[in-house]
């Protein structure tokens, strides 16, 4: 699946007219089928043009897209959310021959040293794109 994500990101970069840092995480729905879905974070500080937002779902081609802006003070919680360990793995994953990549970042994503977050920081709720 990383090839599909790579092509999607390439079209997104072309539409925005610039490079951006990104991170994606594969998760499985908590149902009997364990349907896969991806969370994608991009570091882009401008408003995404409406025509690009409309085209995103067509470019993705694997279901719905939900785009949300993340406030700077919430990025620590969101990053912690998307990097959490996979708790339950669907049966079909165990039967899959070959590797399944579950996480990847662009070079330089989230490498800046940041101050430590307050201990109760993870108690806050943040919307997450699915």
C-alpha atoms as a PDB file:
ATOM      1  CA  UNK A   1       0.000   0.000   0.000  1.00  0.00           C
ATOM      2  CA  UNK A   2       2.868   2.479   0.443  1.00  0.00           C
ATOM      3  CA  UNK A   3       2.910   2.861  -3.376  1.00  0.00           C
ATOM      4  CA  UNK A   4      -0.690   4.109  -3.312  1.00  0.00           C
ATOM      5  CA  UNK A   5       0.207   6.554  -0.542  1.00  0.00           C
ATOM      6  CA  UNK A   6       3.331   7.712  -2.407  1.00  0.00           C
ATOM      7  CA  UNK A   7       1.288   8.443  -5.555  1.00  0.00           C
ATOM      8  CA  UNK A   8      -1.382  10.237  -3.510  1.00  0.00           C
ATOM      9  CA  UNK A   9       1.240  12.418  -1.788  1.00  0.00           C
ATOM     10  CA  UNK A  10       2.890  13.212  -5.143  1.00  0.00           C
ATOM     11  CA  UNK A  11      -0.423  14.454  -6.587  1.00  0.00           C
ATOM     12  CA  UNK A  12      -1.100  16.424  -3.399  1.00  0.00           C
ATOM     13  CA  UNK A  13       2.353  18.091  -3.556  1.00  0.00           C
ATOM     14  CA  UNK A  14       1.858  18.967  -7.224  1.00  0.00           C
ATOM     15  CA  UNK A  15      -1.561  20.506  -6.511  1.00  0.00           C
ATOM     16  CA  UNK A  16      -0.196  22.590  -3.613  1.00  0.00           C
ATOM     17  CA  UNK A  17       2.870  23.601  -5.609  1.00  0.00           C
ATOM     18  CA  UNK A  18       5.305  22.816  -2.822  1.00  0.00           C
ATOM     19  CA  UNK A  19       6.839  20.042  -0.750  1.00  0.00           C
ATOM     20  CA  UNK A  20       5.659  19.316   2.786  1.00  0.00           C
ATOM     21  CA  UNK A  21       6.603  16.981   5.608  1.00  0.00           C
ATOM     22  CA  UNK A  22       4.294  14.050   6.258  1.00  0.00           C
ATOM     23  CA  UNK A  23       3.652  10.999   8.408  1.00  0.00           C
ATOM     24  CA  UNK A  24       1.161   8.176   7.930  1.00  0.00           C
ATOM     25  CA  UNK A  25      -0.040   5.332  10.143  1.00  0.00           C
ATOM     26  CA  UNK A  26      -2.038   2.219   9.234  1.00  0.00           C
ATOM     27  CA  UNK A  27      -4.769   1.181  11.664  1.00  0.00           C
ATOM     28  CA  UNK A  28      -7.430  -1.501  11.636  1.00  0.00           C
ATOM     29  CA  UNK A  29     -11.097  -0.919  12.444  1.00  0.00           C
ATOM     30  CA  UNK A  30     -12.268  -2.532  15.659  1.00  0.00           C
ATOM     31  CA  UNK A  31     -14.730  -4.892  13.987  1.00  0.00           C
ATOM     32  CA  UNK A  32     -14.665  -8.508  12.823  1.00  0.00           C
ATOM     33  CA  UNK A  33     -13.079  -7.663   9.475  1.00  0.00           C
ATOM     34  CA  UNK A  34     -10.368  -5.329  10.794  1.00  0.00           C
ATOM     35  CA  UNK A  35     -10.766  -3.093   7.762  1.00  0.00           C
ATOM     36  CA  UNK A  36      -7.581  -1.017   7.242  1.00  0.00           C
ATOM     37  CA  UNK A  37      -7.578   2.769   7.277  1.00  0.00           C
ATOM     38  CA  UNK A  38      -4.805   5.342   7.297  1.00  0.00           C
ATOM     39  CA  UNK A  39      -4.115   8.501   9.258  1.00  0.00           C
ATOM     40  CA  UNK A  40      -2.004  11.030   7.376  1.00  0.00           C
ATOM     41  CA  UNK A  41      -0.471  14.118   8.947  1.00  0.00           C
ATOM     42  CA  UNK A  42       1.037  16.780   6.733  1.00  0.00           C
ATOM     43  CA  UNK A  43       2.864  19.902   7.794  1.00  0.00           C
ATOM     44  CA  UNK A  44       1.212  22.576   5.683  1.00  0.00           C
ATOM     45  CA  UNK A  45       0.320  25.885   7.300  1.00  0.00           C
ATOM     46  CA  UNK A  46      -1.743  27.537   4.574  1.00  0.00           C
ATOM     47  CA  UNK A  47      -5.381  26.953   3.748  1.00  0.00           C
ATOM     48  CA  UNK A  48      -5.758  24.093   1.276  1.00  0.00           C
ATOM     49  CA  UNK A  49      -7.651  25.361  -1.802  1.00  0.00           C
ATOM     50  CA  UNK A  50     -11.247  24.133  -2.095  1.00  0.00           C
ATOM     51  CA  UNK A  51     -10.625  22.516  -5.492  1.00  0.00           C
ATOM     52  CA  UNK A  52      -7.764  20.471  -3.986  1.00  0.00           C
ATOM     53  CA  UNK A  53      -9.966  19.346  -1.072  1.00  0.00           C
ATOM     54  CA  UNK A  54     -12.619  18.202  -3.557  1.00  0.00           C
ATOM     55  CA  UNK A  55     -10.036  16.292  -5.631  1.00  0.00           C
ATOM     56  CA  UNK A  56      -8.424  14.511  -2.650  1.00  0.00           C
ATOM     57  CA  UNK A  57     -11.040  11.759  -2.403  1.00  0.00           C
ATOM     58  CA  UNK A  58     -10.815  11.059  -6.129  1.00  0.00           C
ATOM     59  CA  UNK A  59      -7.001  10.887  -5.944  1.00  0.00           C
ATOM     60  CA  UNK A  60      -7.109   8.575  -2.930  1.00  0.00           C
ATOM     61  CA  UNK A  61      -9.662   6.208  -4.483  1.00  0.00           C
ATOM     62  CA  UNK A  62      -9.912   3.959  -1.409  1.00  0.00           C
ATOM     63  CA  UNK A  63     -12.861   5.503   0.434  1.00  0.00           C
ATOM     64  CA  UNK A  64     -13.628   8.688   2.252  1.00  0.00           C
ATOM     65  CA  UNK A  65     -11.252  11.466   3.227  1.00  0.00           C
ATOM     66  CA  UNK A  66     -11.621  13.638   6.318  1.00  0.00           C
ATOM     67  CA  UNK A  67      -9.365  16.711   6.429  1.00  0.00           C
ATOM     68  CA  UNK A  68      -8.957  18.716   9.621  1.00  0.00           C
ATOM     69  CA  UNK A  69      -6.651  21.479  10.704  1.00  0.00           C
ATOM     70  CA  UNK A  70      -4.629  20.655  13.827  1.00  0.00           C
ATOM     71  CA  UNK A  71      -3.713  23.454  16.211  1.00  0.00           C
ATOM     72  CA  UNK A  72      -0.062  23.708  17.230  1.00  0.00           C
ATOM     73  CA  UNK A  73      -0.864  22.989  20.882  1.00  0.00           C
ATOM     74  CA  UNK A  74      -2.575  19.701  19.910  1.00  0.00           C
ATOM     75  CA  UNK A  75       0.149  18.206  17.716  1.00  0.00           C
ATOM     76  CA  UNK A  76       1.845  16.406  20.621  1.00  0.00           C
ATOM     77  CA  UNK A  77      -1.329  14.529  21.530  1.00  0.00           C
ATOM     78  CA  UNK A  78      -2.132  13.786  17.901  1.00  0.00           C
ATOM     79  CA  UNK A  79       1.371  12.485  17.232  1.00  0.00           C
ATOM     80  CA  UNK A  80       1.113  10.274  20.317  1.00  0.00           C
ATOM     81  CA  UNK A  81      -2.238   8.973  19.035  1.00  0.00           C
ATOM     82  CA  UNK A  82      -0.992   7.987  15.579  1.00  0.00           C
ATOM     83  CA  UNK A  83       2.178   6.357  16.932  1.00  0.00           C
ATOM     84  CA  UNK A  84       0.401   4.170  19.483  1.00  0.00           C
ATOM     85  CA  UNK A  85       0.970   0.428  19.292  1.00  0.00           C
ATOM     86  CA  UNK A  86      -1.458  -1.816  17.445  1.00  0.00           C
ATOM     87  CA  UNK A  87      -3.421  -3.618  20.144  1.00  0.00           C
ATOM     88  CA  UNK A  88      -5.355  -6.166  18.096  1.00  0.00           C
ATOM     89  CA  UNK A  89      -4.382  -7.470  14.702  1.00  0.00           C
ATOM     90  CA  UNK A  90      -7.110  -8.918  12.450  1.00  0.00           C
ATOM     91  CA  UNK A  91      -6.828 -12.571  11.401  1.00  0.00           C
ATOM     92  CA  UNK A  92      -6.277 -11.676   7.751  1.00  0.00           C
ATOM     93  CA  UNK A  93      -3.069  -9.842   8.710  1.00  0.00           C
ATOM     94  CA  UNK A  94      -1.630 -13.011  10.246  1.00  0.00           C
ATOM     95  CA  UNK A  95      -2.446 -14.948   7.081  1.00  0.00           C
ATOM     96  CA  UNK A  96      -0.890 -12.295   4.808  1.00  0.00           C
ATOM     97  CA  UNK A  97       2.303 -13.425   3.122  1.00  0.00           C
ATOM     98  CA  UNK A  98       4.916 -10.711   3.168  1.00  0.00           C
ATOM     99  CA  UNK A  99       5.394  -7.532   5.159  1.00  0.00           C
ATOM    100  CA  UNK A 100       2.826  -4.912   6.013  1.00  0.00           C
ATOM    101  CA  UNK A 101       4.190  -1.438   6.630  1.00  0.00           C
ATOM    102  CA  UNK A 102       2.242   0.291   9.413  1.00  0.00           C
ATOM    103  CA  UNK A 103       4.086   3.613   9.788  1.00  0.00           C
ATOM    104  CA  UNK A 104       6.249   5.900   7.684  1.00  0.00           C
ATOM    105  CA  UNK A 105       7.448   9.506   7.737  1.00  0.00           C
ATOM    106  CA  UNK A 106       9.113  11.837   5.309  1.00  0.00           C
ATOM    107  CA  UNK A 107      12.702  12.788   6.053  1.00  0.00           C
ATOM    108  CA  UNK A 108      12.796  15.496   8.711  1.00  0.00           C
ATOM    109  CA  UNK A 109       9.258  14.976  10.003  1.00  0.00           C
ATOM    110  CA  UNK A 110       8.942  15.939  13.683  1.00  0.00           C
ATOM    111  CA  UNK A 111      12.681  16.070  14.387  1.00  0.00           C
ATOM    112  CA  UNK A 112      12.831  19.453  16.099  1.00  0.00           C
ATOM    113  CA  UNK A 113      13.415  19.227  19.855  1.00  0.00           C
ATOM    114  CA  UNK A 114      10.264  20.261  21.670  1.00  0.00           C
ATOM    115  CA  UNK A 115       9.670  21.068  25.332  1.00  0.00           C
ATOM    116  CA  UNK A 116       8.220  18.281  27.464  1.00  0.00           C
ATOM    117  CA  UNK A 117       4.426  18.195  27.591  1.00  0.00           C
ATOM    118  CA  UNK A 118       2.503  18.351  30.890  1.00  0.00           C
ATOM    119  CA  UNK A 119       1.815  14.917  32.355  1.00  0.00           C
ATOM    120  CA  UNK A 120      -1.980  15.271  31.958  1.00  0.00           C
ATOM    121  CA  UNK A 121      -1.628  16.321  28.307  1.00  0.00           C
ATOM    122  CA  UNK A 122      -2.832  12.995  26.883  1.00  0.00           C
ATOM    123  CA  UNK A 123      -6.230  13.394  28.610  1.00  0.00           C
ATOM    124  CA  UNK A 124      -7.327  15.954  26.016  1.00  0.00           C
ATOM    125  CA  UNK A 125      -9.501  15.054  23.028  1.00  0.00           C
ATOM    126  CA  UNK A 126      -8.489  15.966  19.483  1.00  0.00           C
ATOM    127  CA  UNK A 127     -10.239  15.229  16.173  1.00  0.00           C
ATOM    128  CA  UNK A 128      -8.367  12.764  14.031  1.00  0.00           C
ATOM    129  CA  UNK A 129      -8.654  12.336  10.290  1.00  0.00           C
ATOM    130  CA  UNK A 130      -9.555   8.846   9.159  1.00  0.00           C
END
